[in-house]
Amino acid sequence: MSLNFIPYILMKGRGEEAIKYYQENLGAVILFKQSFGEGPKEEVEKLQKEELTQISHSVLKIGENRIMIADSIPEIPFKEGNQVSLCLTTSNIRQARDIFEKLKKEGEVLIEFSEIYFSPGYGMVKDKFGVIFQIYTNRE
């Protein structure tokens, strides 16, 4: 069982631009990239036309490190101060749920921990210090 922390950066509509910038300037390699328009049909139907091409999730490798970039998270409106969060990833759903439950005790739930189309267990919480954590369970 492993546990990783990955910086997750929100770009407010400039995700594709940021990805290209990091490729050109930092040698980033795209490991995964998906637009909102490539998501599940029931989610795509809720979007405005201009949102379809925006980045819903991407993973870049820069050197030996990874970062994640998205244009936005619909449940969390972009504002200065929440642009960077930590994505805590594990393949153990019990471990992910336990961490989420501990962080929410004195924090604030932004997205309740549950199964979602891209993960068997995902949630977002702001801890008591104001740090935003995305708790993500890898599919096995």
N, C-alpha and C. Protein backbone atom coordinates (compact mmCIF):
# COMPACT_ATOMS: atom_id res chain seq x y z
N MET A 1 0.85 -1.17 0.00
CA MET A 1 0.00 0.00 0.00
C MET A 1 0.90 1.24 0.00
N SER A 2 0.68 2.11 -0.98
CA SER A 2 1.48 3.32 -1.05
C SER A 2 0.57 4.54 -0.97
N LEU A 3 1.17 5.64 -0.57
CA LEU A 3 0.46 6.89 -0.41
C LEU A 3 1.31 7.97 -1.05
N ASN A 4 0.73 8.73 -1.99
CA ASN A 4 1.48 9.77 -2.69
C ASN A 4 0.76 11.12 -2.58
N PHE A 5 1.53 12.19 -2.50
CA PHE A 5 1.01 13.55 -2.55
C PHE A 5 1.42 14.15 -3.89
N ILE A 6 0.44 14.67 -4.62
CA ILE A 6 0.69 15.25 -5.93
C ILE A 6 0.07 16.65 -5.95
N PRO A 7 0.85 17.68 -6.31
CA PRO A 7 0.25 19.02 -6.44
C PRO A 7 -0.81 19.01 -7.54
N TYR A 8 -1.96 19.61 -7.26
CA TYR A 8 -3.06 19.69 -8.21
C TYR A 8 -3.35 21.17 -8.44
N ILE A 9 -3.20 21.61 -9.68
CA ILE A 9 -3.28 23.03 -10.00
C ILE A 9 -4.52 23.30 -10.86
N LEU A 10 -5.34 24.26 -10.43
CA LEU A 10 -6.50 24.70 -11.21
C LEU A 10 -6.12 25.92 -12.04
N MET A 11 -6.59 25.95 -13.28
CA MET A 11 -6.13 26.98 -14.21
C MET A 11 -7.19 27.95 -14.74
N LYS A 12 -8.43 27.83 -14.32
CA LYS A 12 -9.49 28.78 -14.71
C LYS A 12 -9.53 29.02 -16.22
N GLY A 13 -9.67 27.93 -16.98
CA GLY A 13 -9.80 28.05 -18.42
C GLY A 13 -8.50 28.11 -19.19
N ARG A 14 -7.38 28.02 -18.51
CA ARG A 14 -6.08 28.11 -19.19
C ARG A 14 -5.28 26.81 -19.07
N GLY A 15 -5.97 25.70 -18.82
CA GLY A 15 -5.31 24.42 -18.62
C GLY A 15 -4.48 23.97 -19.81
N GLU A 16 -5.06 24.03 -21.00
CA GLU A 16 -4.33 23.61 -22.22
C GLU A 16 -3.10 24.48 -22.41
N GLU A 17 -3.24 25.76 -22.21
CA GLU A 17 -2.12 26.70 -22.31
C GLU A 17 -1.03 26.35 -21.30
N ALA A 18 -1.41 26.04 -20.07
CA ALA A 18 -0.44 25.69 -19.03
C ALA A 18 0.29 24.39 -19.37
N ILE A 19 -0.45 23.41 -19.88
CA ILE A 19 0.18 22.13 -20.25
C ILE A 19 1.24 22.36 -21.31
N LYS A 20 0.91 23.11 -22.35
CA LYS A 20 1.89 23.40 -23.42
C LYS A 20 3.08 24.17 -22.87
N TYR A 21 2.81 25.12 -22.00
CA TYR A 21 3.88 25.92 -21.38
C TYR A 21 4.85 25.02 -20.61
N TYR A 22 4.31 24.11 -19.79
CA TYR A 22 5.17 23.22 -19.01
C TYR A 22 5.89 22.21 -19.89
N GLN A 23 5.29 21.81 -21.00
CA GLN A 23 5.98 20.94 -21.95
C GLN A 23 7.19 21.67 -22.54
N GLU A 24 6.98 22.88 -23.00
CA GLU A 24 8.04 23.66 -23.65
C GLU A 24 9.13 24.10 -22.68
N ASN A 25 8.74 24.49 -21.47
CA ASN A 25 9.70 25.09 -20.56
C ASN A 25 10.28 24.16 -19.50
N LEU A 26 9.56 23.09 -19.18
CA LEU A 26 10.03 22.17 -18.14
C LEU A 26 10.19 20.74 -18.65
N GLY A 27 9.93 20.52 -19.94
CA GLY A 27 10.06 19.17 -20.49
C GLY A 27 8.98 18.22 -20.00
N ALA A 28 7.82 18.76 -19.63
CA ALA A 28 6.73 17.92 -19.14
C ALA A 28 6.26 16.94 -20.20
N VAL A 29 5.91 15.74 -19.74
CA VAL A 29 5.36 14.70 -20.59
C VAL A 29 3.93 14.44 -20.12
N ILE A 30 2.99 14.44 -21.05
CA ILE A 30 1.59 14.18 -20.70
C ILE A 30 1.41 12.68 -20.48
N LEU A 31 0.98 12.31 -19.28
CA LEU A 31 0.67 10.92 -18.98
C LEU A 31 -0.82 10.65 -19.16
N PHE A 32 -1.64 11.68 -18.95
CA PHE A 32 -3.09 11.56 -19.11
C PHE A 32 -3.65 12.95 -19.32
N LYS A 33 -4.64 13.05 -20.22
CA LYS A 33 -5.33 14.33 -20.42
C LYS A 33 -6.74 14.05 -20.93
N GLN A 34 -7.73 14.68 -20.28
CA GLN A 34 -9.13 14.50 -20.68
C GLN A 34 -9.85 15.83 -20.58
N SER A 35 -10.66 16.13 -21.57
CA SER A 35 -11.48 17.33 -21.52
C SER A 35 -12.81 17.00 -20.86
N PHE A 36 -13.54 18.05 -20.45
CA PHE A 36 -14.87 17.83 -19.88
C PHE A 36 -15.78 17.17 -20.92
N GLY A 37 -15.61 17.50 -22.20
CA GLY A 37 -16.42 16.93 -23.26
C GLY A 37 -16.20 15.44 -23.46
N GLU A 38 -15.10 14.92 -22.97
CA GLU A 38 -14.80 13.49 -23.09
C GLU A 38 -15.30 12.69 -21.88
N GLY A 39 -15.98 13.35 -20.97
CA GLY A 39 -16.48 12.69 -19.76
C GLY A 39 -17.77 11.93 -20.03
N PRO A 40 -18.37 11.39 -18.98
CA PRO A 40 -19.62 10.65 -19.12
C PRO A 40 -20.73 11.52 -19.72
N LYS A 41 -21.54 10.93 -20.57
CA LYS A 41 -22.59 11.66 -21.30
C LYS A 41 -23.48 12.48 -20.36
N GLU A 42 -23.87 11.90 -19.23
CA GLU A 42 -24.78 12.61 -18.32
C GLU A 42 -24.11 13.85 -17.72
N GLU A 43 -22.80 13.85 -17.59
CA GLU A 43 -22.08 15.03 -17.10
C GLU A 43 -21.90 16.06 -18.23
N VAL A 44 -21.59 15.58 -19.44
CA VAL A 44 -21.36 16.45 -20.59
C VAL A 44 -22.62 17.26 -20.91
N GLU A 45 -23.78 16.66 -20.76
CA GLU A 45 -25.04 17.34 -21.07
C GLU A 45 -25.30 18.55 -20.18
N LYS A 46 -24.66 18.64 -19.03
CA LYS A 46 -24.84 19.74 -18.09
C LYS A 46 -23.96 20.95 -18.43
N LEU A 47 -23.02 20.78 -19.37
CA LEU A 47 -22.01 21.81 -19.63
C LEU A 47 -22.41 22.80 -20.70
N GLN A 48 -21.80 23.98 -20.63
CA GLN A 48 -21.91 24.98 -21.67
C GLN A 48 -20.95 24.59 -22.80
N LYS A 49 -21.23 25.02 -24.01
CA LYS A 49 -20.41 24.66 -25.17
C LYS A 49 -18.93 24.99 -24.96
N GLU A 50 -18.64 26.15 -24.39
CA GLU A 50 -17.24 26.57 -24.21
C GLU A 50 -16.50 25.74 -23.16
N GLU A 51 -17.24 25.03 -22.30
CA GLU A 51 -16.62 24.20 -21.28
C GLU A 51 -16.18 22.83 -21.81
N LEU A 52 -16.72 22.40 -22.93
CA LEU A 52 -16.45 21.06 -23.45
C LEU A 52 -14.99 20.79 -23.75
N THR A 53 -14.26 21.80 -24.20
CA THR A 53 -12.85 21.61 -24.55
C THR A 53 -11.90 21.88 -23.39
N GLN A 54 -12.43 22.37 -22.29
CA GLN A 54 -11.56 22.64 -21.14
C GLN A 54 -11.09 21.34 -20.52
N ILE A 55 -9.94 21.41 -19.84
CA ILE A 55 -9.31 20.23 -19.25
C ILE A 55 -10.02 19.85 -17.94
N SER A 56 -10.55 18.63 -17.89
CA SER A 56 -11.17 18.15 -16.65
C SER A 56 -10.13 17.51 -15.74
N HIS A 57 -9.10 16.92 -16.36
CA HIS A 57 -8.04 16.29 -15.55
C HIS A 57 -6.86 15.98 -16.46
N SER A 58 -5.68 16.23 -15.94
CA SER A 58 -4.46 15.83 -16.65
C SER A 58 -3.38 15.50 -15.63
N VAL A 59 -2.48 14.63 -16.07
CA VAL A 59 -1.33 14.26 -15.25
C VAL A 59 -0.10 14.47 -16.10
N LEU A 60 0.84 15.26 -15.58
CA LEU A 60 2.10 15.52 -16.28
C LEU A 60 3.26 14.99 -15.46
N LYS A 61 4.25 14.47 -16.16
CA LYS A 61 5.48 14.05 -15.49
C LYS A 61 6.54 15.08 -15.84
N ILE A 62 7.13 15.64 -14.80
CA ILE A 62 8.21 16.61 -14.96
C ILE A 62 9.39 16.07 -14.17
N GLY A 63 10.41 15.64 -14.88
CA GLY A 63 11.52 14.96 -14.22
C GLY A 63 11.00 13.68 -13.59
N GLU A 64 11.22 13.50 -12.31
CA GLU A 64 10.73 12.31 -11.60
C GLU A 64 9.43 12.59 -10.85
N ASN A 65 8.87 13.77 -11.05
CA ASN A 65 7.68 14.19 -10.30
C ASN A 65 6.46 14.29 -11.20
N ARG A 66 5.31 14.31 -10.56
CA ARG A 66 4.05 14.46 -11.28
C ARG A 66 3.31 15.66 -10.72
N ILE A 67 2.58 16.32 -11.62
CA ILE A 67 1.62 17.34 -11.22
C ILE A 67 0.32 17.04 -11.95
N MET A 68 -0.77 17.53 -11.42
CA MET A 68 -2.07 17.39 -12.06
C MET A 68 -2.60 18.79 -12.35
N ILE A 69 -3.26 18.92 -13.50
CA ILE A 69 -3.80 20.21 -13.91
C ILE A 69 -5.23 20.01 -14.41
N ALA A 70 -6.10 20.92 -14.03
CA ALA A 70 -7.48 20.97 -14.55
C ALA A 70 -7.87 22.43 -14.69
N ASP A 71 -8.86 22.68 -15.54
CA ASP A 71 -9.36 24.04 -15.68
C ASP A 71 -10.20 24.45 -14.49
N SER A 72 -10.98 23.54 -13.96
CA SER A 72 -11.79 23.85 -12.80
C SER A 72 -12.36 22.56 -12.25
N ILE A 73 -12.94 22.67 -11.10
CA ILE A 73 -13.72 21.58 -10.53
C ILE A 73 -15.08 22.19 -10.29
N PRO A 74 -16.11 21.74 -11.03
CA PRO A 74 -17.41 22.42 -10.97
C PRO A 74 -17.94 22.67 -9.56
N GLU A 75 -17.70 21.76 -8.63
CA GLU A 75 -18.20 21.95 -7.27
C GLU A 75 -17.42 23.01 -6.50
N ILE A 76 -16.22 23.34 -6.96
CA ILE A 76 -15.36 24.29 -6.25
C ILE A 76 -15.05 25.45 -7.20
N PRO A 77 -15.80 26.53 -7.16
CA PRO A 77 -15.52 27.66 -8.04
C PRO A 77 -14.10 28.19 -7.83
N PHE A 78 -13.45 28.55 -8.91
CA PHE A 78 -12.09 29.06 -8.84
C PHE A 78 -12.08 30.41 -8.13
N LYS A 79 -11.14 30.55 -7.24
CA LYS A 79 -10.86 31.84 -6.62
C LYS A 79 -9.41 31.81 -6.18
N GLU A 80 -8.80 32.95 -6.14
CA GLU A 80 -7.42 33.01 -5.70
C GLU A 80 -7.32 32.42 -4.31
N GLY A 81 -6.35 31.54 -4.12
CA GLY A 81 -6.18 30.89 -2.84
C GLY A 81 -6.53 29.40 -2.89
N ASN A 82 -7.35 28.99 -3.87
CA ASN A 82 -7.64 27.57 -3.98
C ASN A 82 -7.11 26.97 -5.29
N GLN A 83 -6.19 27.68 -5.91
CA GLN A 83 -5.65 27.24 -7.19
C GLN A 83 -4.79 25.98 -7.05
N VAL A 84 -4.14 25.80 -5.92
CA VAL A 84 -3.29 24.63 -5.71
C VAL A 84 -3.84 23.83 -4.54
N SER A 85 -4.00 22.54 -4.77
CA SER A 85 -4.39 21.63 -3.69
C SER A 85 -3.45 20.44 -3.73
N LEU A 86 -3.53 19.61 -2.71
CA LEU A 86 -2.73 18.39 -2.68
C LEU A 86 -3.64 17.22 -2.98
N CYS A 87 -3.26 16.42 -3.96
CA CYS A 87 -4.02 15.22 -4.30
C CYS A 87 -3.33 14.04 -3.63
N LEU A 88 -3.97 13.50 -2.62
CA LEU A 88 -3.43 12.37 -1.90
C LEU A 88 -3.97 11.11 -2.58
N THR A 89 -3.08 10.28 -3.14
CA THR A 89 -3.51 9.11 -3.90
C THR A 89 -3.07 7.82 -3.23
N THR A 90 -3.96 6.84 -3.28
CA THR A 90 -3.69 5.51 -2.75
C THR A 90 -4.51 4.51 -3.54
N SER A 91 -4.12 3.25 -3.49
CA SER A 91 -4.91 2.21 -4.15
C SER A 91 -5.82 1.50 -3.15
N ASN A 92 -5.79 1.91 -1.89
CA ASN A 92 -6.57 1.27 -0.84
C ASN A 92 -7.73 2.17 -0.45
N ILE A 93 -8.94 1.77 -0.82
CA ILE A 93 -10.11 2.61 -0.57
C ILE A 93 -10.38 2.82 0.92
N ARG A 94 -10.09 1.82 1.74
CA ARG A 94 -10.29 1.98 3.20
C ARG A 94 -9.34 3.04 3.75
N GLN A 95 -8.10 3.01 3.28
CA GLN A 95 -7.12 4.01 3.71
C GLN A 95 -7.57 5.40 3.27
N ALA A 96 -8.04 5.52 2.03
CA ALA A 96 -8.49 6.81 1.52
C ALA A 96 -9.67 7.34 2.34
N ARG A 97 -10.65 6.48 2.60
CA ARG A 97 -11.83 6.90 3.38
C ARG A 97 -11.42 7.31 4.80
N ASP A 98 -10.52 6.55 5.41
CA ASP A 98 -10.06 6.85 6.78
C ASP A 98 -9.38 8.22 6.83
N ILE A 99 -8.52 8.50 5.87
CA ILE A 99 -7.83 9.80 5.82
C ILE A 99 -8.86 10.92 5.65
N PHE A 100 -9.81 10.72 4.73
CA PHE A 100 -10.85 11.72 4.50
C PHE A 100 -11.62 12.00 5.79
N GLU A 101 -12.04 10.94 6.48
CA GLU A 101 -12.80 11.09 7.72
C GLU A 101 -12.01 11.85 8.79
N LYS A 102 -10.72 11.56 8.89
CA LYS A 102 -9.89 12.26 9.88
C LYS A 102 -9.74 13.73 9.55
N LEU A 103 -9.50 14.04 8.28
CA LEU A 103 -9.32 15.45 7.90
C LEU A 103 -10.59 16.27 8.02
N LYS A 104 -11.74 15.64 7.83
CA LYS A 104 -12.98 16.41 7.88
C LYS A 104 -13.45 16.71 9.30
N LYS A 105 -12.90 16.01 10.30
CA LYS A 105 -13.36 16.21 11.68
C LYS A 105 -13.30 17.66 12.11
N GLU A 106 -12.22 18.33 11.83
CA GLU A 106 -12.10 19.75 12.19
C GLU A 106 -12.03 20.62 10.94
N GLY A 107 -12.35 20.01 9.80
CA GLY A 107 -12.27 20.73 8.54
C GLY A 107 -13.64 20.95 7.92
N GLU A 108 -13.64 21.09 6.61
CA GLU A 108 -14.87 21.37 5.86
C GLU A 108 -14.90 20.47 4.63
N VAL A 109 -15.97 19.71 4.48
CA VAL A 109 -16.13 18.84 3.31
C VAL A 109 -16.52 19.69 2.12
N LEU A 110 -15.73 19.58 1.04
CA LEU A 110 -16.04 20.30 -0.20
C LEU A 110 -16.75 19.37 -1.17
N ILE A 111 -16.32 18.12 -1.24
CA ILE A 111 -16.98 17.07 -2.03
C ILE A 111 -16.98 15.82 -1.16
N GLU A 112 -18.15 15.30 -0.85
CA GLU A 112 -18.27 14.12 0.00
C GLU A 112 -17.55 12.93 -0.64
N PHE A 113 -16.91 12.11 0.17
CA PHE A 113 -16.18 10.94 -0.31
C PHE A 113 -17.17 9.90 -0.82
N SER A 114 -17.01 9.49 -2.08
CA SER A 114 -17.89 8.48 -2.66
C SER A 114 -17.28 7.96 -3.95
N GLU A 115 -17.91 6.94 -4.50
CA GLU A 115 -17.50 6.43 -5.82
C GLU A 115 -17.92 7.45 -6.86
N ILE A 116 -17.06 7.67 -7.84
CA ILE A 116 -17.33 8.61 -8.92
C ILE A 116 -16.79 7.99 -10.20
N TYR A 117 -17.19 8.47 -11.35
CA TYR A 117 -16.85 7.79 -12.59
C TYR A 117 -15.36 7.57 -12.80
N PHE A 118 -14.51 8.38 -12.22
CA PHE A 118 -13.07 8.22 -12.42
C PHE A 118 -12.33 7.58 -11.25
N SER A 119 -13.05 7.24 -10.18
CA SER A 119 -12.40 6.66 -9.01
C SER A 119 -13.41 5.89 -8.16
N PRO A 120 -12.98 4.75 -7.59
CA PRO A 120 -13.88 4.03 -6.70
C PRO A 120 -14.10 4.75 -5.36
N GLY A 121 -13.27 5.75 -5.06
CA GLY A 121 -13.41 6.54 -3.83
C GLY A 121 -12.69 7.86 -3.97
N TYR A 122 -13.47 8.95 -3.98
CA TYR A 122 -12.90 10.29 -4.17
C TYR A 122 -13.68 11.28 -3.31
N GLY A 123 -12.95 12.23 -2.75
CA GLY A 123 -13.58 13.32 -2.02
C GLY A 123 -12.61 14.47 -1.88
N MET A 124 -13.14 15.61 -1.48
CA MET A 124 -12.30 16.79 -1.30
C MET A 124 -12.66 17.44 0.02
N VAL A 125 -11.62 17.80 0.77
CA VAL A 125 -11.84 18.37 2.09
C VAL A 125 -10.81 19.47 2.33
N LYS A 126 -11.26 20.51 3.04
CA LYS A 126 -10.35 21.57 3.48
C LYS A 126 -10.07 21.28 4.95
N ASP A 127 -8.80 21.11 5.29
CA ASP A 127 -8.49 20.77 6.68
C ASP A 127 -8.60 21.99 7.58
N LYS A 128 -8.35 21.81 8.86
CA LYS A 128 -8.54 22.89 9.82
C LYS A 128 -7.58 24.06 9.61
N PHE A 129 -6.56 23.86 8.78
CA PHE A 129 -5.60 24.93 8.49
C PHE A 129 -5.92 25.63 7.16
N GLY A 130 -6.97 25.18 6.48
CA GLY A 130 -7.35 25.77 5.20
C GLY A 130 -6.69 25.13 4.00
N VAL A 131 -5.97 24.02 4.20
CA VAL A 131 -5.31 23.32 3.10
C VAL A 131 -6.34 22.39 2.45
N ILE A 132 -6.44 22.45 1.12
CA ILE A 132 -7.39 21.62 0.39
C ILE A 132 -6.72 20.33 -0.03
N PHE A 133 -7.34 19.21 0.34
CA PHE A 133 -6.88 17.88 -0.04
C PHE A 133 -7.91 17.21 -0.92
N GLN A 134 -7.44 16.67 -2.02
CA GLN A 134 -8.26 15.78 -2.84
C GLN A 134 -7.81 14.37 -2.48
N ILE A 135 -8.73 13.57 -2.01
CA ILE A 135 -8.43 12.20 -1.63
C ILE A 135 -8.89 11.32 -2.79
N TYR A 136 -7.94 10.64 -3.42
CA TYR A 136 -8.21 9.91 -4.66
C TYR A 136 -7.76 8.45 -4.52
N THR A 137 -8.67 7.54 -4.86
CA THR A 137 -8.35 6.12 -4.85
C THR A 137 -8.12 5.65 -6.28
N ASN A 138 -6.95 5.07 -6.53
CA ASN A 138 -6.66 4.51 -7.85
C ASN A 138 -7.51 3.27 -8.10
N ARG A 139 -7.88 3.06 -9.35
CA ARG A 139 -8.53 1.79 -9.72
C ARG A 139 -7.45 0.72 -9.75
N GLU A 140 -7.81 -0.47 -9.30
CA GLU A 140 -6.82 -1.56 -9.29
C GLU A 140 -6.91 -2.36 -10.56
